[in-house]
Amino acid sequence: MSSEVIKENDLIFLILDQKRRWLVQVRSGGTFHTHRGIIEFNEIIGKNFGSVVFSKPFETQGYKFFVLKPLPSDYILHMSRKTQIIYPEDTGLILVYSGIGPGSVIVEAGCGSGALTCILGNFVSPNGHIYSYDINEKSIKRAKLNVKKAELEDVVTIQYGDILNDDLQHKNVDVVVLDMATPWNAIEKIKNYLKYSGTVVSFSPTIEQVKKTVSAMKSQNFIEVNTYELIKRKIQVKENATRPEVRMIGHTGYLTFGRKIEDIKNPYREQKPKAKEVINMNGMPLRG
């Protein structure tokens, strides 16, 4: 069975144990320093993903490190970031409930560290595109660096832009993703960017934000408006001691979805009823 070979500038997922793991870009002649010794990239380049490497100096360190190909969840959890991230379980729901796939065109408001941007970039490749906007210059700089490391510059464009006030001039977009403080204020504008049957996805940490966003979606005639919260629990598996882990992330955020439609009035079921006929009996001869 053939395996993929690690090349110059590839990202690798380097694992020492359950707690110590890193997303690293390998460069010829470079090294990665840990408290368990030094990893030389020249010993990794040319090996297959799934290999092991030992830290130097061998005599005093010599710890075993595993070298894996990064999964989308590894990008999210281990790439450079300063802002709150959207966790892997939420990303999975976004992909499945929005219909994002190869060729999709996405507008993202709030790129943050670019973690979600990179995940979506992997799924729209090679013919789709993500147009990601942010108003924080530091976030833009960090996100561009992460996109470059992930080698997704051909399918991701990150730039300064205010989705609330700027005319971004997009048309027939498949999905709009909102990761911002006041998503409800953007609903009317982004509706013009979406194609019919397109999806808007809003990520919010609080229920107060959700209520305003849902109200805004319904006022703009979005349908299939639904909000979800995902809670993931990891199981600690040991012989004679299998149980849920004591610590877990109890809440990540709320995801609200809606679909754009071409709404017209129903000419059959929305007719106004005719006025009731009233018969005036005044002056009419009546039988005794």
C-alpha atoms as a PDB file:
ATOM      1  CA  MET A   1       0.000   0.000   0.000  1.00  0.00           C
ATOM      2  CA  SER A   2       1.453   3.373  -1.017  1.00  0.00           C
ATOM      3  CA  SER A   3       1.708   6.295   1.410  1.00  0.00           C
ATOM      4  CA  GLU A   4       1.999  10.019   0.868  1.00  0.00           C
ATOM      5  CA  VAL A   5       5.536  11.374   1.159  1.00  0.00           C
ATOM      6  CA  ILE A   6       6.292  14.451   3.276  1.00  0.00           C
ATOM      7  CA  LYS A   7       7.671  17.297   1.167  1.00  0.00           C
ATOM      8  CA  GLU A   8       9.378  20.626   1.801  1.00  0.00           C
ATOM      9  CA  ASN A   9       6.957  23.175   3.383  1.00  0.00           C
ATOM     10  CA  ASP A  10       4.302  20.551   4.170  1.00  0.00           C
ATOM     11  CA  LEU A  11       2.319  20.895   7.370  1.00  0.00           C
ATOM     12  CA  ILE A  12       2.685  17.925   9.701  1.00  0.00           C
ATOM     13  CA  PHE A  13       0.854  16.967  12.880  1.00  0.00           C
ATOM     14  CA  LEU A  14       3.623  16.101  15.360  1.00  0.00           C
ATOM     15  CA  ILE A  15       2.522  14.065  18.388  1.00  0.00           C
ATOM     16  CA  LEU A  16       4.426  13.217  21.541  1.00  0.00           C
ATOM     17  CA  ASP A  17       1.475  12.158  23.714  1.00  0.00           C
ATOM     18  CA  GLN A  18      -2.191  13.001  24.372  1.00  0.00           C
ATOM     19  CA  LYS A  19      -1.400  16.485  25.672  1.00  0.00           C
ATOM     20  CA  ARG A  20       1.677  17.518  23.667  1.00  0.00           C
ATOM     21  CA  ARG A  21       1.016  17.854  19.940  1.00  0.00           C
ATOM     22  CA  TRP A  22       1.837  20.519  17.387  1.00  0.00           C
ATOM     23  CA  LEU A  23       0.952  21.657  13.882  1.00  0.00           C
ATOM     24  CA  VAL A  24       4.346  22.319  12.272  1.00  0.00           C
ATOM     25  CA  GLN A  25       5.584  23.332   8.826  1.00  0.00           C
ATOM     26  CA  VAL A  26       8.712  21.424   7.811  1.00  0.00           C
ATOM     27  CA  ARG A  27      11.563  23.306   6.133  1.00  0.00           C
ATOM     28  CA  SER A  28      14.850  21.916   4.878  1.00  0.00           C
ATOM     29  CA  GLY A  29      17.607  22.425   7.455  1.00  0.00           C
ATOM     30  CA  GLY A  30      15.111  23.563  10.111  1.00  0.00           C
ATOM     31  CA  THR A  31      14.451  22.187  13.576  1.00  0.00           C
ATOM     32  CA  PHE A  32      11.613  22.076  16.075  1.00  0.00           C
ATOM     33  CA  HIS A  33      12.540  22.433  19.756  1.00  0.00           C
ATOM     34  CA  THR A  34      10.549  20.716  22.520  1.00  0.00           C
ATOM     35  CA  HIS A  35      11.171  19.991  26.187  1.00  0.00           C
ATOM     36  CA  ARG A  36      11.758  16.401  25.055  1.00  0.00           C
ATOM     37  CA  GLY A  37      14.520  17.191  22.608  1.00  0.00           C
ATOM     38  CA  ILE A  38      14.981  18.555  19.090  1.00  0.00           C
ATOM     39  CA  ILE A  39      13.281  17.322  15.944  1.00  0.00           C
ATOM     40  CA  GLU A  40      15.283  17.813  12.739  1.00  0.00           C
ATOM     41  CA  PHE A  41      13.107  18.387   9.683  1.00  0.00           C
ATOM     42  CA  ASN A  42      15.666  16.810   7.350  1.00  0.00           C
ATOM     43  CA  GLU A  43      14.886  13.505   9.047  1.00  0.00           C
ATOM     44  CA  ILE A  44      11.181  13.989   8.300  1.00  0.00           C
ATOM     45  CA  ILE A  45      11.263  15.257   4.710  1.00  0.00           C
ATOM     46  CA  GLY A  46      11.102  12.276   2.380  1.00  0.00           C
ATOM     47  CA  LYS A  47       9.440   9.992   4.946  1.00  0.00           C
ATOM     48  CA  ASN A  48       5.839   8.882   4.708  1.00  0.00           C
ATOM     49  CA  PHE A  49       3.053  10.406   6.747  1.00  0.00           C
ATOM     50  CA  GLY A  50       2.415   7.964   9.566  1.00  0.00           C
ATOM     51  CA  SER A  51       6.113   7.546  10.342  1.00  0.00           C
ATOM     52  CA  VAL A  52       7.940   8.091  13.622  1.00  0.00           C
ATOM     53  CA  VAL A  53      10.968  10.228  14.403  1.00  0.00           C
ATOM     54  CA  PHE A  54      13.198  10.391  17.496  1.00  0.00           C
ATOM     55  CA  SER A  55      14.310  13.564  19.242  1.00  0.00           C
ATOM     56  CA  LYS A  56      17.962  14.556  19.516  1.00  0.00           C
ATOM     57  CA  PRO A  57      20.371  14.205  21.181  1.00  0.00           C
ATOM     58  CA  PHE A  58      19.580  10.502  21.119  1.00  0.00           C
ATOM     59  CA  GLU A  59      21.747   9.711  24.156  1.00  0.00           C
ATOM     60  CA  THR A  60      19.935  12.059  26.553  1.00  0.00           C
ATOM     61  CA  GLN A  61      16.502  12.445  24.886  1.00  0.00           C
ATOM     62  CA  GLY A  62      15.569   9.985  22.170  1.00  0.00           C
ATOM     63  CA  TYR A  63      11.797  10.323  22.609  1.00  0.00           C
ATOM     64  CA  LYS A  64       9.468   8.909  19.973  1.00  0.00           C
ATOM     65  CA  PHE A  65       7.304  11.390  18.030  1.00  0.00           C
ATOM     66  CA  PHE A  66       4.557  10.407  15.587  1.00  0.00           C
ATOM     67  CA  VAL A  67       4.274  12.288  12.278  1.00  0.00           C
ATOM     68  CA  LEU A  68       0.747  12.390  10.840  1.00  0.00           C
ATOM     69  CA  LYS A  69      -0.965  14.207   7.997  1.00  0.00           C
ATOM     70  CA  PRO A  70      -3.127  16.935   9.607  1.00  0.00           C
ATOM     71  CA  LEU A  71      -6.871  16.393   9.661  1.00  0.00           C
ATOM     72  CA  PRO A  72      -9.317  19.320   9.438  1.00  0.00           C
ATOM     73  CA  SER A  73      -9.838  19.092  13.213  1.00  0.00           C
ATOM     74  CA  ASP A  74      -6.077  19.473  13.738  1.00  0.00           C
ATOM     75  CA  TYR A  75      -6.092  22.754  11.814  1.00  0.00           C
ATOM     76  CA  ILE A  76      -8.842  24.089  14.049  1.00  0.00           C
ATOM     77  CA  LEU A  77      -7.392  23.104  17.401  1.00  0.00           C
ATOM     78  CA  HIS A  78      -3.670  23.607  16.864  1.00  0.00           C
ATOM     79  CA  MET A  79      -3.106  26.445  14.410  1.00  0.00           C
ATOM     80  CA  SER A  80      -1.966  29.884  15.580  1.00  0.00           C
ATOM     81  CA  ARG A  81      -4.898  31.863  16.976  1.00  0.00           C
ATOM     82  CA  LYS A  82      -5.886  34.620  19.387  1.00  0.00           C
ATOM     83  CA  THR A  83      -9.683  34.550  19.042  1.00  0.00           C
ATOM     84  CA  GLN A  84     -12.305  31.992  20.057  1.00  0.00           C
ATOM     85  CA  ILE A  85     -12.465  29.142  17.566  1.00  0.00           C
ATOM     86  CA  ILE A  86     -15.333  27.213  16.050  1.00  0.00           C
ATOM     87  CA  TYR A  87     -14.775  23.641  17.236  1.00  0.00           C
ATOM     88  CA  PRO A  88     -14.587  20.582  14.931  1.00  0.00           C
ATOM     89  CA  GLU A  89     -18.057  19.329  15.854  1.00  0.00           C
ATOM     90  CA  ASP A  90     -19.584  22.685  14.908  1.00  0.00           C
ATOM     91  CA  THR A  91     -17.610  22.748  11.664  1.00  0.00           C
ATOM     92  CA  GLY A  92     -18.999  19.340  10.736  1.00  0.00           C
ATOM     93  CA  LEU A  93     -22.544  20.569  11.241  1.00  0.00           C
ATOM     94  CA  ILE A  94     -21.839  23.672   9.140  1.00  0.00           C
ATOM     95  CA  LEU A  95     -20.606  21.508   6.259  1.00  0.00           C
ATOM     96  CA  VAL A  96     -23.503  19.048   6.330  1.00  0.00           C
ATOM     97  CA  TYR A  97     -26.333  21.503   6.984  1.00  0.00           C
ATOM     98  CA  SER A  98     -25.158  24.131   4.483  1.00  0.00           C
ATOM     99  CA  GLY A  99     -24.322  21.806   1.595  1.00  0.00           C
ATOM    100  CA  ILE A 100     -20.763  23.113   1.215  1.00  0.00           C
ATOM    101  CA  GLY A 101     -18.737  21.000  -1.188  1.00  0.00           C
ATOM    102  CA  PRO A 102     -16.415  21.115  -4.203  1.00  0.00           C
ATOM    103  CA  GLY A 103     -17.145  24.206  -6.275  1.00  0.00           C
ATOM    104  CA  SER A 104     -19.080  26.093  -3.590  1.00  0.00           C
ATOM    105  CA  VAL A 105     -18.712  29.869  -3.389  1.00  0.00           C
ATOM    106  CA  ILE A 106     -18.712  31.164   0.187  1.00  0.00           C
ATOM    107  CA  VAL A 107     -18.681  34.598   1.795  1.00  0.00           C
ATOM    108  CA  GLU A 108     -17.373  34.587   5.361  1.00  0.00           C
ATOM    109  CA  ALA A 109     -17.753  37.555   7.696  1.00  0.00           C
ATOM    110  CA  GLY A 110     -15.257  37.347  10.550  1.00  0.00           C
ATOM    111  CA  CYS A 111     -12.228  35.265   9.581  1.00  0.00           C
ATOM    112  CA  GLY A 112     -10.646  35.296  13.054  1.00  0.00           C
ATOM    113  CA  SER A 113      -7.529  33.119  12.933  1.00  0.00           C
ATOM    114  CA  GLY A 114      -8.624  31.518   9.672  1.00  0.00           C
ATOM    115  CA  ALA A 115      -9.253  28.089  11.227  1.00  0.00           C
ATOM    116  CA  LEU A 116     -12.774  27.661   9.856  1.00  0.00           C
ATOM    117  CA  THR A 117     -11.671  29.332   6.611  1.00  0.00           C
ATOM    118  CA  CYS A 118      -9.006  26.668   6.078  1.00  0.00           C
ATOM    119  CA  ILE A 119     -11.434  23.835   6.755  1.00  0.00           C
ATOM    120  CA  LEU A 120     -13.987  25.195   4.311  1.00  0.00           C
ATOM    121  CA  GLY A 121     -11.197  25.819   1.804  1.00  0.00           C
ATOM    122  CA  ASN A 122     -10.334  22.127   1.791  1.00  0.00           C
ATOM    123  CA  PHE A 123     -13.932  21.229   0.963  1.00  0.00           C
ATOM    124  CA  VAL A 124     -14.594  23.784  -1.811  1.00  0.00           C
ATOM    125  CA  SER A 125     -11.290  22.997  -3.573  1.00  0.00           C
ATOM    126  CA  PRO A 126     -10.355  22.926  -6.384  1.00  0.00           C
ATOM    127  CA  ASN A 127     -13.006  24.974  -8.211  1.00  0.00           C
ATOM    128  CA  GLY A 128     -14.802  26.776  -5.382  1.00  0.00           C
ATOM    129  CA  HIS A 129     -13.731  29.917  -3.558  1.00  0.00           C
ATOM    130  CA  ILE A 130     -14.009  31.535  -0.138  1.00  0.00           C
ATOM    131  CA  TYR A 131     -14.157  35.316   0.193  1.00  0.00           C
ATOM    132  CA  SER A 132     -13.381  36.040   3.836  1.00  0.00           C
ATOM    133  CA  TYR A 133     -13.677  39.489   5.420  1.00  0.00           C
ATOM    134  CA  ASP A 134     -12.711  40.994   8.755  1.00  0.00           C
ATOM    135  CA  ILE A 135     -12.325  44.472  10.247  1.00  0.00           C
ATOM    136  CA  ASN A 136      -9.434  43.525  12.527  1.00  0.00           C
ATOM    137  CA  GLU A 137      -6.079  43.964  10.777  1.00  0.00           C
ATOM    138  CA  LYS A 138      -4.296  41.634  13.199  1.00  0.00           C
ATOM    139  CA  SER A 139      -6.816  38.878  12.544  1.00  0.00           C
ATOM    140  CA  ILE A 140      -6.441  39.357   8.794  1.00  0.00           C
ATOM    141  CA  LYS A 141      -2.662  39.093   9.020  1.00  0.00           C
ATOM    142  CA  ARG A 142      -2.795  35.951  11.148  1.00  0.00           C
ATOM    143  CA  ALA A 143      -5.470  34.334   8.978  1.00  0.00           C
ATOM    144  CA  LYS A 144      -3.486  34.996   5.788  1.00  0.00           C
ATOM    145  CA  LEU A 145      -0.448  33.329   7.359  1.00  0.00           C
ATOM    146  CA  ASN A 146      -2.478  30.257   8.340  1.00  0.00           C
ATOM    147  CA  VAL A 147      -4.045  30.041   4.871  1.00  0.00           C
ATOM    148  CA  LYS A 148      -0.572  30.197   3.326  1.00  0.00           C
ATOM    149  CA  LYS A 149       0.666  27.411   5.608  1.00  0.00           C
ATOM    150  CA  ALA A 150      -2.318  25.311   4.582  1.00  0.00           C
ATOM    151  CA  GLU A 151      -1.494  25.971   0.899  1.00  0.00           C
ATOM    152  CA  LEU A 152      -5.017  27.244   0.196  1.00  0.00           C
ATOM    153  CA  GLU A 153      -4.217  30.632  -1.321  1.00  0.00           C
ATOM    154  CA  ASP A 154      -5.725  29.572  -4.666  1.00  0.00           C
ATOM    155  CA  VAL A 155      -9.185  29.023  -3.153  1.00  0.00           C
ATOM    156  CA  VAL A 156      -9.222  31.550  -0.281  1.00  0.00           C
ATOM    157  CA  THR A 157      -9.174  35.337  -0.429  1.00  0.00           C
ATOM    158  CA  ILE A 158      -8.890  37.201   2.884  1.00  0.00           C
ATOM    159  CA  GLN A 159      -9.247  40.971   2.950  1.00  0.00           C
ATOM    160  CA  TYR A 160     -10.447  43.910   4.986  1.00  0.00           C
ATOM    161  CA  GLY A 161     -14.181  44.421   4.700  1.00  0.00           C
ATOM    162  CA  ASP A 162     -17.164  45.464   6.817  1.00  0.00           C
ATOM    163  CA  ILE A 163     -20.155  43.350   5.864  1.00  0.00           C
ATOM    164  CA  LEU A 164     -22.483  45.740   7.699  1.00  0.00           C
ATOM    165  CA  ASN A 165     -21.472  48.891   5.842  1.00  0.00           C
ATOM    166  CA  ASP A 166     -19.521  47.942   2.699  1.00  0.00           C
ATOM    167  CA  ASP A 167     -21.039  46.842  -0.576  1.00  0.00           C
ATOM    168  CA  LEU A 168     -19.036  43.685  -1.238  1.00  0.00           C
ATOM    169  CA  GLN A 169     -20.713  43.191  -4.619  1.00  0.00           C
ATOM    170  CA  HIS A 170     -21.206  39.447  -4.470  1.00  0.00           C
ATOM    171  CA  LYS A 171     -23.889  37.617  -6.426  1.00  0.00           C
ATOM    172  CA  ASN A 172     -25.147  34.009  -6.499  1.00  0.00           C
ATOM    173  CA  VAL A 173     -23.192  32.951  -3.420  1.00  0.00           C
ATOM    174  CA  ASP A 174     -23.909  29.430  -2.175  1.00  0.00           C
ATOM    175  CA  VAL A 175     -23.328  30.047   1.538  1.00  0.00           C
ATOM    176  CA  VAL A 176     -22.761  33.066   3.787  1.00  0.00           C
ATOM    177  CA  VAL A 177     -21.092  32.326   7.138  1.00  0.00           C
ATOM    178  CA  LEU A 178     -21.433  34.942   9.884  1.00  0.00           C
ATOM    179  CA  ASP A 179     -19.090  34.795  12.880  1.00  0.00           C
ATOM    180  CA  MET A 180     -19.605  38.270  14.314  1.00  0.00           C
ATOM    181  CA  ALA A 181     -21.037  40.100  17.312  1.00  0.00           C
ATOM    182  CA  THR A 182     -24.230  41.393  15.651  1.00  0.00           C
ATOM    183  CA  PRO A 183     -25.159  38.980  12.853  1.00  0.00           C
ATOM    184  CA  TRP A 184     -28.792  40.134  12.824  1.00  0.00           C
ATOM    185  CA  ASN A 185     -27.691  43.487  11.422  1.00  0.00           C
ATOM    186  CA  ALA A 186     -26.162  41.763   8.385  1.00  0.00           C
ATOM    187  CA  ILE A 187     -29.112  39.589   7.339  1.00  0.00           C
ATOM    188  CA  GLU A 188     -30.820  42.079   5.017  1.00  0.00           C
ATOM    189  CA  LYS A 189     -27.601  42.874   3.150  1.00  0.00           C
ATOM    190  CA  ILE A 190     -26.286  39.333   2.789  1.00  0.00           C
ATOM    191  CA  LYS A 191     -29.646  38.196   1.431  1.00  0.00           C
ATOM    192  CA  ASN A 192     -28.725  40.050  -1.772  1.00  0.00           C
ATOM    193  CA  TYR A 193     -25.459  38.094  -2.013  1.00  0.00           C
ATOM    194  CA  LEU A 194     -27.087  34.662  -1.753  1.00  0.00           C
ATOM    195  CA  LYS A 195     -28.522  32.715  -4.642  1.00  0.00           C
ATOM    196  CA  TYR A 196     -32.007  31.296  -4.270  1.00  0.00           C
ATOM    197  CA  SER A 197     -31.926  28.205  -2.042  1.00  0.00           C
ATOM    198  CA  GLY A 198     -28.581  29.448  -0.667  1.00  0.00           C
ATOM    199  CA  THR A 199     -27.819  29.085   3.028  1.00  0.00           C
ATOM    200  CA  VAL A 200     -26.881  31.560   5.718  1.00  0.00           C
ATOM    201  CA  VAL A 201     -25.026  30.189   8.764  1.00  0.00           C
ATOM    202  CA  SER A 202     -24.593  32.233  11.916  1.00  0.00           C
ATOM    203  CA  PHE A 203     -22.380  31.240  14.857  1.00  0.00           C
ATOM    204  CA  SER A 204     -23.150  32.948  18.182  1.00  0.00           C
ATOM    205  CA  PRO A 205     -22.019  32.175  21.740  1.00  0.00           C
ATOM    206  CA  THR A 206     -25.154  33.558  23.484  1.00  0.00           C
ATOM    207  CA  ILE A 207     -28.875  32.903  23.133  1.00  0.00           C
ATOM    208  CA  GLU A 208     -29.652  36.636  23.101  1.00  0.00           C
ATOM    209  CA  GLN A 209     -27.756  36.913  19.811  1.00  0.00           C
ATOM    210  CA  VAL A 210     -29.639  33.906  18.449  1.00  0.00           C
ATOM    211  CA  LYS A 211     -33.057  35.388  19.203  1.00  0.00           C
ATOM    212  CA  LYS A 212     -32.284  38.597  17.330  1.00  0.00           C
ATOM    213  CA  THR A 213     -30.734  36.709  14.406  1.00  0.00           C
ATOM    214  CA  VAL A 214     -33.692  34.340  14.035  1.00  0.00           C
ATOM    215  CA  SER A 215     -36.096  37.288  14.142  1.00  0.00           C
ATOM    216  CA  ALA A 216     -34.097  39.066  11.421  1.00  0.00           C
ATOM    217  CA  MET A 217     -34.024  35.950   9.217  1.00  0.00           C
ATOM    218  CA  LYS A 218     -37.776  35.462   9.466  1.00  0.00           C
ATOM    219  CA  SER A 219     -38.446  39.144   8.748  1.00  0.00           C
ATOM    220  CA  GLN A 220     -36.423  38.702   5.510  1.00  0.00           C
ATOM    221  CA  ASN A 221     -38.511  35.634   4.559  1.00  0.00           C
ATOM    222  CA  PHE A 222     -35.788  33.025   5.091  1.00  0.00           C
ATOM    223  CA  ILE A 223     -37.214  29.552   5.591  1.00  0.00           C
ATOM    224  CA  GLU A 224     -35.887  26.417   7.282  1.00  0.00           C
ATOM    225  CA  VAL A 225     -34.632  28.635  10.108  1.00  0.00           C
ATOM    226  CA  ASN A 226     -33.227  26.357  12.797  1.00  0.00           C
ATOM    227  CA  THR A 227     -30.769  26.711  15.677  1.00  0.00           C
ATOM    228  CA  TYR A 228     -28.619  23.921  17.099  1.00  0.00           C
ATOM    229  CA  GLU A 229     -26.205  23.388  19.973  1.00  0.00           C
ATOM    230  CA  LEU A 230     -23.778  20.472  19.864  1.00  0.00           C
ATOM    231  CA  ILE A 231     -22.196  18.959  22.957  1.00  0.00           C
ATOM    232  CA  LYS A 232     -19.449  16.369  22.462  1.00  0.00           C
ATOM    233  CA  ARG A 233     -18.340  14.021  25.234  1.00  0.00           C
ATOM    234  CA  LYS A 234     -15.103  12.061  25.009  1.00  0.00           C
ATOM    235  CA  ILE A 235     -14.949   8.574  26.542  1.00  0.00           C
ATOM    236  CA  GLN A 236     -11.924   7.470  28.546  1.00  0.00           C
ATOM    237  CA  VAL A 237     -11.352   3.826  27.628  1.00  0.00           C
ATOM    238  CA  LYS A 238      -9.325   1.714  30.063  1.00  0.00           C
ATOM    239  CA  GLU A 239      -9.494  -1.922  31.018  1.00  0.00           C
ATOM    240  CA  ASN A 240     -12.129  -2.213  33.771  1.00  0.00           C
ATOM    241  CA  ALA A 241     -12.395   1.597  33.981  1.00  0.00           C
ATOM    242  CA  THR A 242     -14.237   2.934  30.927  1.00  0.00           C
ATOM    243  CA  ARG A 243     -16.263   6.088  31.542  1.00  0.00           C
ATOM    244  CA  PRO A 244     -16.754   9.651  30.261  1.00  0.00           C
ATOM    245  CA  GLU A 245     -13.846  11.991  30.875  1.00  0.00           C
ATOM    246  CA  VAL A 246     -14.290  14.244  33.888  1.00  0.00           C
ATOM    247  CA  ARG A 247     -13.527  17.447  32.014  1.00  0.00           C
ATOM    248  CA  MET A 248     -15.325  18.501  28.857  1.00  0.00           C
ATOM    249  CA  ILE A 249     -16.292  21.589  26.877  1.00  0.00           C
ATOM    250  CA  GLY A 250     -19.892  22.103  27.961  1.00  0.00           C
ATOM    251  CA  HIS A 251     -20.772  24.795  25.433  1.00  0.00           C
ATOM    252  CA  THR A 252     -19.155  25.996  22.233  1.00  0.00           C
ATOM    253  CA  GLY A 253     -21.836  28.120  20.631  1.00  0.00           C
ATOM    254  CA  TYR A 254     -25.152  28.153  18.794  1.00  0.00           C
ATOM    255  CA  LEU A 255     -25.447  27.581  15.053  1.00  0.00           C
ATOM    256  CA  THR A 256     -28.403  29.114  13.233  1.00  0.00           C
ATOM    257  CA  PHE A 257     -29.232  28.167   9.642  1.00  0.00           C
ATOM    258  CA  GLY A 258     -31.661  29.647   7.136  1.00  0.00           C
ATOM    259  CA  ARG A 259     -32.467  29.250   3.408  1.00  0.00           C
ATOM    260  CA  LYS A 260     -33.236  32.008   0.898  1.00  0.00           C
ATOM    261  CA  ILE A 261     -36.329  31.620  -1.269  1.00  0.00           C
ATOM    262  CA  GLU A 262     -38.050  33.603  -4.002  1.00  0.00           C
ATOM    263  CA  ASP A 263     -41.165  34.458  -2.040  1.00  0.00           C
ATOM    264  CA  ILE A 264     -44.379  35.445  -3.828  1.00  0.00           C
ATOM    265  CA  LYS A 265     -47.913  35.732  -2.564  1.00  0.00           C
ATOM    266  CA  ASN A 266     -50.147  32.732  -3.029  1.00  0.00           C
ATOM    267  CA  PRO A 267     -52.870  33.766  -5.511  1.00  0.00           C
ATOM    268  CA  TYR A 268     -55.039  30.856  -4.407  1.00  0.00           C
ATOM    269  CA  ARG A 269     -54.775  30.680  -0.649  1.00  0.00           C
ATOM    270  CA  GLU A 270     -54.147  34.329   0.147  1.00  0.00           C
ATOM    271  CA  GLN A 271     -57.289  35.809  -1.465  1.00  0.00           C
ATOM    272  CA  LYS A 272     -59.242  38.102   0.762  1.00  0.00           C
ATOM    273  CA  PRO A 273     -62.685  36.670   1.523  1.00  0.00           C
ATOM    274  CA  LYS A 274     -65.606  38.469  -0.083  1.00  0.00           C
ATOM    275  CA  ALA A 275     -67.641  40.739   2.134  1.00  0.00           C
ATOM    276  CA  LYS A 276     -70.586  38.992   3.755  1.00  0.00           C
ATOM    277  CA  GLU A 277     -73.926  39.596   2.067  1.00  0.00           C
ATOM    278  CA  VAL A 278     -76.482  41.294   4.296  1.00  0.00           C
ATOM    279  CA  ILE A 279     -80.186  41.107   3.408  1.00  0.00           C
ATOM    280  CA  ASN A 280     -82.289  44.011   4.620  1.00  0.00           C
ATOM    281  CA  MET A 281     -85.791  42.833   5.512  1.00  0.00           C
ATOM    282  CA  ASN A 282     -87.155  46.289   6.247  1.00  0.00           C
ATOM    283  CA  GLY A 283     -90.380  46.949   4.292  1.00  0.00           C
ATOM    284  CA  MET A 284     -90.724  43.373   3.146  1.00  0.00           C
ATOM    285  CA  PRO A 285     -94.139  41.759   3.580  1.00  0.00           C
ATOM    286  CA  LEU A 286     -93.979  39.075   6.181  1.00  0.00           C
ATOM    287  CA  ARG A 287     -96.430  36.211   6.772  1.00  0.00           C
ATOM    288  CA  GLY A 288     -98.345  36.403   9.970  1.00  0.00           C
END
